[in-house]
Amino acid sequence: MSFYIEKPREAAGEGGGSGAGRAEAGTTEEGEQLRSVEIGMQADVEAIDSIRIAHVAALNVDDAEGWLAVFAEDGVQMPPNATSPL
């Protein structure tokens, strides 16, 4: 069984991230705060993507140890669209 990695959607042109249609901040301070949040969110997305890539890569080469390494100690693998067992 093989899995593939979907390319992340580009922020521009996908209805978000490009700034189109978004109200501008009223002050420079508010603008700086918004930019800081956006930068933090981008860092989170990049961290999640790196874990997802490692997860899929381990699955593709039947590397059980590598697959387990991406999970937290209390992590749970669930089928897509399943209800939460917790």
C-alpha atoms as a PDB file:
ATOM      1  CA  MET A   1       0.000   0.000   0.000  1.00  0.00           C
ATOM      2  CA  SER A   2       1.317   3.436  -0.930  1.00  0.00           C
ATOM      3  CA  PHE A   3       0.262   6.861   0.184  1.00  0.00           C
ATOM      4  CA  TYR A   4       0.930  10.158  -1.469  1.00  0.00           C
ATOM      5  CA  ILE A   5       1.554  13.643  -0.188  1.00  0.00           C
ATOM      6  CA  GLU A   6      -0.778  16.354  -1.388  1.00  0.00           C
ATOM      7  CA  LYS A   7       0.914  19.639  -2.153  1.00  0.00           C
ATOM      8  CA  PRO A   8      -0.237  22.334   0.298  1.00  0.00           C
ATOM      9  CA  ARG A   9      -2.559  24.904  -1.219  1.00  0.00           C
ATOM     10  CA  GLU A  10      -0.910  28.170  -2.033  1.00  0.00           C
ATOM     11  CA  ALA A  11      -2.216  31.022   0.102  1.00  0.00           C
ATOM     12  CA  ALA A  12      -2.660  33.335  -2.874  1.00  0.00           C
ATOM     13  CA  GLY A  13      -5.555  32.434  -5.106  1.00  0.00           C
ATOM     14  CA  GLU A  14      -7.125  29.954  -2.682  1.00  0.00           C
ATOM     15  CA  GLY A  15      -9.400  32.385  -0.877  1.00  0.00           C
ATOM     16  CA  GLY A  16      -7.089  33.199   1.993  1.00  0.00           C
ATOM     17  CA  GLY A  17      -3.716  34.480   2.969  1.00  0.00           C
ATOM     18  CA  SER A  18      -3.280  36.925   0.084  1.00  0.00           C
ATOM     19  CA  GLY A  19      -4.964  39.745   1.944  1.00  0.00           C
ATOM     20  CA  ALA A  20      -7.652  40.187  -0.706  1.00  0.00           C
ATOM     21  CA  GLY A  21     -10.986  41.118   0.779  1.00  0.00           C
ATOM     22  CA  ARG A  22      -9.557  41.535   4.267  1.00  0.00           C
ATOM     23  CA  ALA A  23      -9.964  44.765   6.203  1.00  0.00           C
ATOM     24  CA  GLU A  24      -6.715  46.532   6.903  1.00  0.00           C
ATOM     25  CA  ALA A  25      -5.713  47.223  10.498  1.00  0.00           C
ATOM     26  CA  GLY A  26      -6.532  50.687  11.768  1.00  0.00           C
ATOM     27  CA  THR A  27      -3.093  51.405  13.223  1.00  0.00           C
ATOM     28  CA  THR A  28       0.465  50.407  12.585  1.00  0.00           C
ATOM     29  CA  GLU A  29       0.513  48.547  15.901  1.00  0.00           C
ATOM     30  CA  GLU A  30      -2.558  46.513  14.920  1.00  0.00           C
ATOM     31  CA  GLY A  31      -0.979  45.803  11.541  1.00  0.00           C
ATOM     32  CA  GLU A  32       2.200  44.569  13.207  1.00  0.00           C
ATOM     33  CA  GLN A  33       0.166  42.317  15.507  1.00  0.00           C
ATOM     34  CA  LEU A  34      -1.692  40.849  12.528  1.00  0.00           C
ATOM     35  CA  ARG A  35       1.571  40.211  10.681  1.00  0.00           C
ATOM     36  CA  SER A  36       3.015  38.571  13.792  1.00  0.00           C
ATOM     37  CA  VAL A  37       0.011  36.240  14.043  1.00  0.00           C
ATOM     38  CA  GLU A  38       0.251  35.382  10.338  1.00  0.00           C
ATOM     39  CA  ILE A  39       3.957  34.577  10.692  1.00  0.00           C
ATOM     40  CA  GLY A  40       3.232  32.388  13.726  1.00  0.00           C
ATOM     41  CA  MET A  41       0.472  30.588  11.850  1.00  0.00           C
ATOM     42  CA  GLN A  42       2.798  29.979   8.886  1.00  0.00           C
ATOM     43  CA  ALA A  43       5.369  28.452  11.253  1.00  0.00           C
ATOM     44  CA  ASP A  44       2.658  26.150  12.645  1.00  0.00           C
ATOM     45  CA  VAL A  45       1.620  25.087   9.128  1.00  0.00           C
ATOM     46  CA  GLU A  46       5.240  24.341   8.229  1.00  0.00           C
ATOM     47  CA  ALA A  47       5.719  22.275  11.411  1.00  0.00           C
ATOM     48  CA  ILE A  48       2.552  20.280  10.723  1.00  0.00           C
ATOM     49  CA  ASP A  49       3.574  19.741   7.093  1.00  0.00           C
ATOM     50  CA  SER A  50       6.994  18.394   8.131  1.00  0.00           C
ATOM     51  CA  ILE A  51       5.354  15.869  10.468  1.00  0.00           C
ATOM     52  CA  ARG A  52       2.821  14.876   7.797  1.00  0.00           C
ATOM     53  CA  ILE A  53       5.601  14.378   5.248  1.00  0.00           C
ATOM     54  CA  ALA A  54       7.584  12.185   7.689  1.00  0.00           C
ATOM     55  CA  HIS A  55       4.415  10.202   8.479  1.00  0.00           C
ATOM     56  CA  VAL A  56       3.624   9.497   4.820  1.00  0.00           C
ATOM     57  CA  ALA A  57       7.273   8.746   3.979  1.00  0.00           C
ATOM     58  CA  ALA A  58       7.429   6.153   6.777  1.00  0.00           C
ATOM     59  CA  LEU A  59       4.203   4.541   5.552  1.00  0.00           C
ATOM     60  CA  ASN A  60       5.508   4.363   1.988  1.00  0.00           C
ATOM     61  CA  VAL A  61       8.590   2.363   3.010  1.00  0.00           C
ATOM     62  CA  ASP A  62       6.864   0.206   5.654  1.00  0.00           C
ATOM     63  CA  ASP A  63       8.907   1.848   8.427  1.00  0.00           C
ATOM     64  CA  ALA A  64       6.866   1.122  11.574  1.00  0.00           C
ATOM     65  CA  GLU A  65       9.395   2.790  13.885  1.00  0.00           C
ATOM     66  CA  GLY A  66       9.471   5.933  11.747  1.00  0.00           C
ATOM     67  CA  TRP A  67       5.672   5.952  11.623  1.00  0.00           C
ATOM     68  CA  LEU A  68       5.429   5.670  15.410  1.00  0.00           C
ATOM     69  CA  ALA A  69       8.050   8.384  15.888  1.00  0.00           C
ATOM     70  CA  VAL A  70       5.707  11.090  14.564  1.00  0.00           C
ATOM     71  CA  PHE A  71       3.049  10.368  17.196  1.00  0.00           C
ATOM     72  CA  ALA A  72       2.783  11.832  20.648  1.00  0.00           C
ATOM     73  CA  GLU A  73       2.833   9.276  23.449  1.00  0.00           C
ATOM     74  CA  ASP A  74      -0.965   9.468  23.666  1.00  0.00           C
ATOM     75  CA  GLY A  75      -1.525   9.827  19.891  1.00  0.00           C
ATOM     76  CA  VAL A  76      -4.404   8.020  18.182  1.00  0.00           C
ATOM     77  CA  GLN A  77      -4.584   6.975  14.503  1.00  0.00           C
ATOM     78  CA  MET A  78      -8.158   7.139  13.232  1.00  0.00           C
ATOM     79  CA  PRO A  79      -9.776   6.375   9.888  1.00  0.00           C
ATOM     80  CA  PRO A  80     -10.860   9.439   7.884  1.00  0.00           C
ATOM     81  CA  ASN A  81     -14.251  10.885   8.876  1.00  0.00           C
ATOM     82  CA  ALA A  82     -14.588   8.549  11.864  1.00  0.00           C
ATOM     83  CA  THR A  83     -16.191   9.626  15.098  1.00  0.00           C
ATOM     84  CA  SER A  84     -13.901  10.184  18.042  1.00  0.00           C
ATOM     85  CA  PRO A  85     -13.424   7.151  20.314  1.00  0.00           C
ATOM     86  CA  LEU A  86     -12.545   9.434  23.212  1.00  0.00           C
END
